Amino acid sequence: MNEHDQRESPPHESGFEELEKVLHELGEKGKGLQREDKKALLASEAVLTGVRVVYRTRDDNKDHDTRLESWINMSGGREAAYASRYGEYDDWSEHVVDLTPKTNVMRKADIRGSWLQIRVTPNGNDTWRFRCEVTLYFSDGSFHSKSFPEPTTLDQGSRQANKPL
């Protein structure tokens, strides 16, 4: 079964000051560079534009009333993207969760030291076994994918997993 979860609206952000700063710095760095050098600069300074996580439930489902939260965190614990979902993930099903980028700008260079954080908040008891993969999309059209083939188990006693990117 292939099901796409609906994207929830992120909490109101105060602004995009950090993104504006990055764009300004990029413009300053590009002054006087030749065309090929500008392309290389743009590629190295590409920023995160989207994240997709695919969860593949194994032989133990996630209950409909268990909250699933997914983050991309950069070194220093700064959040780069986030999504929250409810809904049952049946045994042997696949679910796609699109994370909303935050105002904390993530560059391609920030992948090293970053991680996917997965947290569940069960209503009572719930054990969920799954595998996952994550894809980060960047402003230059490139992407970074990472698969986590080993099954992960989360439940009321072990609610969080961190997966290095």
C-alpha atoms as a PDB file:
ATOM      1  CA  MET A   1       0.000   0.000   0.000  1.00  0.00           C
ATOM      2  CA  ASN A   2       1.393   3.374  -0.938  1.00  0.00           C
ATOM      3  CA  GLU A   3      -0.070   6.298   0.981  1.00  0.00           C
ATOM      4  CA  HIS A   4       0.993   9.951   0.928  1.00  0.00           C
ATOM      5  CA  ASP A   5       0.395  11.844   4.158  1.00  0.00           C
ATOM      6  CA  GLN A   6      -0.945  15.382   4.007  1.00  0.00           C
ATOM      7  CA  ARG A   7       1.484  18.170   4.867  1.00  0.00           C
ATOM      8  CA  GLU A   8       0.505  20.064   8.000  1.00  0.00           C
ATOM      9  CA  SER A   9       1.009  23.803   8.236  1.00  0.00           C
ATOM     10  CA  PRO A  10       4.173  24.680  10.160  1.00  0.00           C
ATOM     11  CA  PRO A  11       3.971  26.970  13.155  1.00  0.00           C
ATOM     12  CA  HIS A  12       4.201  30.651  12.205  1.00  0.00           C
ATOM     13  CA  GLU A  13       7.812  31.678  11.704  1.00  0.00           C
ATOM     14  CA  SER A  14       8.920  35.217  12.475  1.00  0.00           C
ATOM     15  CA  GLY A  15      10.796  35.734   9.210  1.00  0.00           C
ATOM     16  CA  PHE A  16      13.546  34.591   6.946  1.00  0.00           C
ATOM     17  CA  GLU A  17      16.397  36.749   8.197  1.00  0.00           C
ATOM     18  CA  GLU A  18      18.936  33.924   8.030  1.00  0.00           C
ATOM     19  CA  LEU A  19      17.983  33.050   4.430  1.00  0.00           C
ATOM     20  CA  GLU A  20      18.253  36.722   3.427  1.00  0.00           C
ATOM     21  CA  LYS A  21      21.699  36.836   5.048  1.00  0.00           C
ATOM     22  CA  VAL A  22      22.814  33.727   3.127  1.00  0.00           C
ATOM     23  CA  LEU A  23      21.584  35.176  -0.175  1.00  0.00           C
ATOM     24  CA  HIS A  24      23.352  38.478   0.513  1.00  0.00           C
ATOM     25  CA  GLU A  25      26.615  36.684   1.380  1.00  0.00           C
ATOM     26  CA  LEU A  26      26.316  34.589  -1.762  1.00  0.00           C
ATOM     27  CA  GLY A  27      25.867  37.709  -3.884  1.00  0.00           C
ATOM     28  CA  GLU A  28      28.932  39.314  -2.305  1.00  0.00           C
ATOM     29  CA  LYS A  29      31.056  36.181  -2.848  1.00  0.00           C
ATOM     30  CA  GLY A  30      30.012  36.009  -6.503  1.00  0.00           C
ATOM     31  CA  LYS A  31      31.127  39.534  -7.407  1.00  0.00           C
ATOM     32  CA  GLY A  32      33.956  39.491  -9.927  1.00  0.00           C
ATOM     33  CA  LEU A  33      33.910  35.713 -10.478  1.00  0.00           C
ATOM     34  CA  GLN A  34      33.895  34.125 -13.913  1.00  0.00           C
ATOM     35  CA  ARG A  35      30.788  32.203 -15.021  1.00  0.00           C
ATOM     36  CA  GLU A  36      32.199  28.725 -14.221  1.00  0.00           C
ATOM     37  CA  ASP A  37      33.423  29.895 -10.810  1.00  0.00           C
ATOM     38  CA  LYS A  38      29.966  31.337 -10.075  1.00  0.00           C
ATOM     39  CA  LYS A  39      28.382  27.964 -10.923  1.00  0.00           C
ATOM     40  CA  ALA A  40      30.762  26.201  -8.546  1.00  0.00           C
ATOM     41  CA  LEU A  41      29.997  28.751  -5.826  1.00  0.00           C
ATOM     42  CA  LEU A  42      26.236  28.323  -6.281  1.00  0.00           C
ATOM     43  CA  ALA A  43      26.581  24.532  -6.031  1.00  0.00           C
ATOM     44  CA  SER A  44      28.599  24.726  -2.801  1.00  0.00           C
ATOM     45  CA  GLU A  45      26.178  27.225  -1.246  1.00  0.00           C
ATOM     46  CA  ALA A  46      22.944  25.446  -2.271  1.00  0.00           C
ATOM     47  CA  VAL A  47      20.304  25.525   0.481  1.00  0.00           C
ATOM     48  CA  LEU A  48      17.730  22.959   1.571  1.00  0.00           C
ATOM     49  CA  THR A  49      14.384  23.372  -0.201  1.00  0.00           C
ATOM     50  CA  GLY A  50      12.598  20.165   0.822  1.00  0.00           C
ATOM     51  CA  VAL A  51      12.843  16.813   2.585  1.00  0.00           C
ATOM     52  CA  ARG A  52      11.030  13.555   1.962  1.00  0.00           C
ATOM     53  CA  VAL A  53      11.094  10.595   4.359  1.00  0.00           C
ATOM     54  CA  VAL A  54       9.714   7.225   3.307  1.00  0.00           C
ATOM     55  CA  TYR A  55       8.679   4.977   6.190  1.00  0.00           C
ATOM     56  CA  ARG A  56       8.214   1.272   5.433  1.00  0.00           C
ATOM     57  CA  THR A  57       6.337  -0.425   8.244  1.00  0.00           C
ATOM     58  CA  ARG A  58       7.440  -3.976   8.946  1.00  0.00           C
ATOM     59  CA  ASP A  59       5.468  -6.559  10.928  1.00  0.00           C
ATOM     60  CA  ASP A  60       4.285  -4.261  13.743  1.00  0.00           C
ATOM     61  CA  ASN A  61       2.093  -1.273  12.821  1.00  0.00           C
ATOM     62  CA  LYS A  62       1.914   2.283  14.145  1.00  0.00           C
ATOM     63  CA  ASP A  63      -1.475   2.939  15.743  1.00  0.00           C
ATOM     64  CA  HIS A  64      -3.770   5.689  14.432  1.00  0.00           C
ATOM     65  CA  ASP A  65      -3.465   7.740  17.645  1.00  0.00           C
ATOM     66  CA  THR A  66       0.337   7.619  17.885  1.00  0.00           C
ATOM     67  CA  ARG A  67       1.910  10.926  16.933  1.00  0.00           C
ATOM     68  CA  LEU A  68       4.931  10.713  14.607  1.00  0.00           C
ATOM     69  CA  GLU A  69       7.356  13.643  14.482  1.00  0.00           C
ATOM     70  CA  SER A  70      10.236  13.846  12.008  1.00  0.00           C
ATOM     71  CA  TRP A  71      13.063  16.406  11.992  1.00  0.00           C
ATOM     72  CA  ILE A  72      16.221  17.139  10.101  1.00  0.00           C
ATOM     73  CA  ASN A  73      18.648  18.554  12.657  1.00  0.00           C
ATOM     74  CA  MET A  74      22.013  20.151  11.946  1.00  0.00           C
ATOM     75  CA  SER A  75      25.052  20.096  14.204  1.00  0.00           C
ATOM     76  CA  GLY A  76      24.390  22.238  17.231  1.00  0.00           C
ATOM     77  CA  GLY A  77      20.825  20.882  17.363  1.00  0.00           C
ATOM     78  CA  ARG A  78      19.373  23.518  15.006  1.00  0.00           C
ATOM     79  CA  GLU A  79      16.209  22.301  13.266  1.00  0.00           C
ATOM     80  CA  ALA A  80      16.308  22.503   9.457  1.00  0.00           C
ATOM     81  CA  ALA A  81      12.966  20.798   8.646  1.00  0.00           C
ATOM     82  CA  TYR A  82       9.985  19.296  10.503  1.00  0.00           C
ATOM     83  CA  ALA A  83       6.705  17.398  10.119  1.00  0.00           C
ATOM     84  CA  SER A  84       4.149  15.904  12.509  1.00  0.00           C
ATOM     85  CA  ARG A  85       1.587  13.200  11.630  1.00  0.00           C
ATOM     86  CA  TYR A  86      -1.083  10.988  13.088  1.00  0.00           C
ATOM     87  CA  GLY A  87      -2.624   8.007  11.333  1.00  0.00           C
ATOM     88  CA  GLU A  88      -2.304   4.244  11.276  1.00  0.00           C
ATOM     89  CA  TYR A  89       0.610   2.762   9.390  1.00  0.00           C
ATOM     90  CA  ASP A  90      -0.545  -0.806   8.691  1.00  0.00           C
ATOM     91  CA  ASP A  91       1.828  -3.766   8.665  1.00  0.00           C
ATOM     92  CA  TRP A  92       3.885  -3.875   5.458  1.00  0.00           C
ATOM     93  CA  SER A  93       2.734  -0.414   4.314  1.00  0.00           C
ATOM     94  CA  GLU A  94       4.723   2.524   2.958  1.00  0.00           C
ATOM     95  CA  HIS A  95       4.154   6.152   3.929  1.00  0.00           C
ATOM     96  CA  VAL A  96       5.751   9.294   2.511  1.00  0.00           C
ATOM     97  CA  VAL A  97       6.202  12.267   4.830  1.00  0.00           C
ATOM     98  CA  ASP A  98       7.301  15.618   3.392  1.00  0.00           C
ATOM     99  CA  LEU A  99       9.067  17.821   5.929  1.00  0.00           C
ATOM    100  CA  THR A 100       8.720  21.601   5.833  1.00  0.00           C
ATOM    101  CA  PRO A 101      12.016  23.519   5.840  1.00  0.00           C
ATOM    102  CA  LYS A 102      12.475  25.858   8.804  1.00  0.00           C
ATOM    103  CA  THR A 103      13.993  29.325   8.789  1.00  0.00           C
ATOM    104  CA  ASN A 104      17.304  27.832   9.999  1.00  0.00           C
ATOM    105  CA  VAL A 105      19.027  27.622   6.617  1.00  0.00           C
ATOM    106  CA  MET A 106      20.744  24.318   5.856  1.00  0.00           C
ATOM    107  CA  ARG A 107      23.442  24.282   3.196  1.00  0.00           C
ATOM    108  CA  LYS A 108      24.748  21.175   1.459  1.00  0.00           C
ATOM    109  CA  ALA A 109      27.907  21.551   3.518  1.00  0.00           C
ATOM    110  CA  ASP A 110      25.769  21.106   6.668  1.00  0.00           C
ATOM    111  CA  ILE A 111      24.852  17.502   5.791  1.00  0.00           C
ATOM    112  CA  ARG A 112      27.928  16.261   7.607  1.00  0.00           C
ATOM    113  CA  GLY A 113      27.026  16.231  11.298  1.00  0.00           C
ATOM    114  CA  SER A 114      23.262  16.317  10.613  1.00  0.00           C
ATOM    115  CA  TRP A 115      20.686  13.655  11.418  1.00  0.00           C
ATOM    116  CA  LEU A 116      17.118  12.510  10.921  1.00  0.00           C
ATOM    117  CA  GLN A 117      15.302  12.482  14.266  1.00  0.00           C
ATOM    118  CA  ILE A 118      12.185  10.332  14.565  1.00  0.00           C
ATOM    119  CA  ARG A 119       9.948  10.493  17.633  1.00  0.00           C
ATOM    120  CA  VAL A 120       6.664   8.797  18.478  1.00  0.00           C
ATOM    121  CA  THR A 121       4.177   9.728  21.187  1.00  0.00           C
ATOM    122  CA  PRO A 122       1.868   6.742  21.688  1.00  0.00           C
ATOM    123  CA  ASN A 123      -1.531   7.019  23.315  1.00  0.00           C
ATOM    124  CA  GLY A 124      -1.030   4.086  25.694  1.00  0.00           C
ATOM    125  CA  ASN A 125       0.956   1.166  24.302  1.00  0.00           C
ATOM    126  CA  ASP A 126       2.173   0.965  20.724  1.00  0.00           C
ATOM    127  CA  THR A 127       5.148  -0.739  19.100  1.00  0.00           C
ATOM    128  CA  TRP A 128       6.130   0.282  15.578  1.00  0.00           C
ATOM    129  CA  ARG A 129       8.778  -1.522  13.509  1.00  0.00           C
ATOM    130  CA  PHE A 130       9.944   0.187  10.332  1.00  0.00           C
ATOM    131  CA  ARG A 131      12.735   0.955   7.923  1.00  0.00           C
ATOM    132  CA  CYS A 132      13.188   4.364   6.364  1.00  0.00           C
ATOM    133  CA  GLU A 133      15.025   6.466   3.847  1.00  0.00           C
ATOM    134  CA  VAL A 134      15.420  10.223   3.604  1.00  0.00           C
ATOM    135  CA  THR A 135      16.042  12.524   0.654  1.00  0.00           C
ATOM    136  CA  LEU A 136      17.129  16.154   1.052  1.00  0.00           C
ATOM    137  CA  TYR A 137      16.523  18.483  -1.922  1.00  0.00           C
ATOM    138  CA  PHE A 138      18.662  21.570  -2.576  1.00  0.00           C
ATOM    139  CA  SER A 139      18.243  24.851  -4.444  1.00  0.00           C
ATOM    140  CA  ASP A 140      20.707  23.866  -7.177  1.00  0.00           C
ATOM    141  CA  GLY A 141      18.554  20.862  -8.172  1.00  0.00           C
ATOM    142  CA  SER A 142      20.764  18.313  -6.424  1.00  0.00           C
ATOM    143  CA  PHE A 143      19.696  15.901  -3.701  1.00  0.00           C
ATOM    144  CA  HIS A 144      21.195  13.727  -0.968  1.00  0.00           C
ATOM    145  CA  SER A 145      19.584  10.366  -0.143  1.00  0.00           C
ATOM    146  CA  LYS A 146      20.309   8.020   2.718  1.00  0.00           C
ATOM    147  CA  SER A 147      18.683   4.645   3.339  1.00  0.00           C
ATOM    148  CA  PHE A 148      18.483   2.992   6.752  1.00  0.00           C
ATOM    149  CA  PRO A 149      17.936  -0.706   5.926  1.00  0.00           C
ATOM    150  CA  GLU A 150      18.125  -2.047   9.483  1.00  0.00           C
ATOM    151  CA  PRO A 151      14.688  -2.218  11.149  1.00  0.00           C
ATOM    152  CA  THR A 152      14.020   0.344  13.879  1.00  0.00           C
ATOM    153  CA  THR A 153      11.575  -0.277  16.724  1.00  0.00           C
ATOM    154  CA  LEU A 154       9.936   2.572  18.624  1.00  0.00           C
ATOM    155  CA  ASP A 155       7.385   2.212  21.430  1.00  0.00           C
ATOM    156  CA  GLN A 156       6.156   3.826  24.650  1.00  0.00           C
ATOM    157  CA  GLY A 157       9.450   2.958  26.379  1.00  0.00           C
ATOM    158  CA  SER A 158      11.788   3.881  23.512  1.00  0.00           C
ATOM    159  CA  ARG A 159      10.236   6.853  21.727  1.00  0.00           C
ATOM    160  CA  GLN A 160      13.095   8.307  19.666  1.00  0.00           C
ATOM    161  CA  ALA A 161      15.663   7.287  17.058  1.00  0.00           C
ATOM    162  CA  ASN A 162      18.410   9.439  15.550  1.00  0.00           C
ATOM    163  CA  LYS A 163      19.773   8.491  12.130  1.00  0.00           C
ATOM    164  CA  PRO A 164      23.011  10.186  10.979  1.00  0.00           C
ATOM    165  CA  LEU A 165      22.957  11.633   7.484  1.00  0.00           C
END
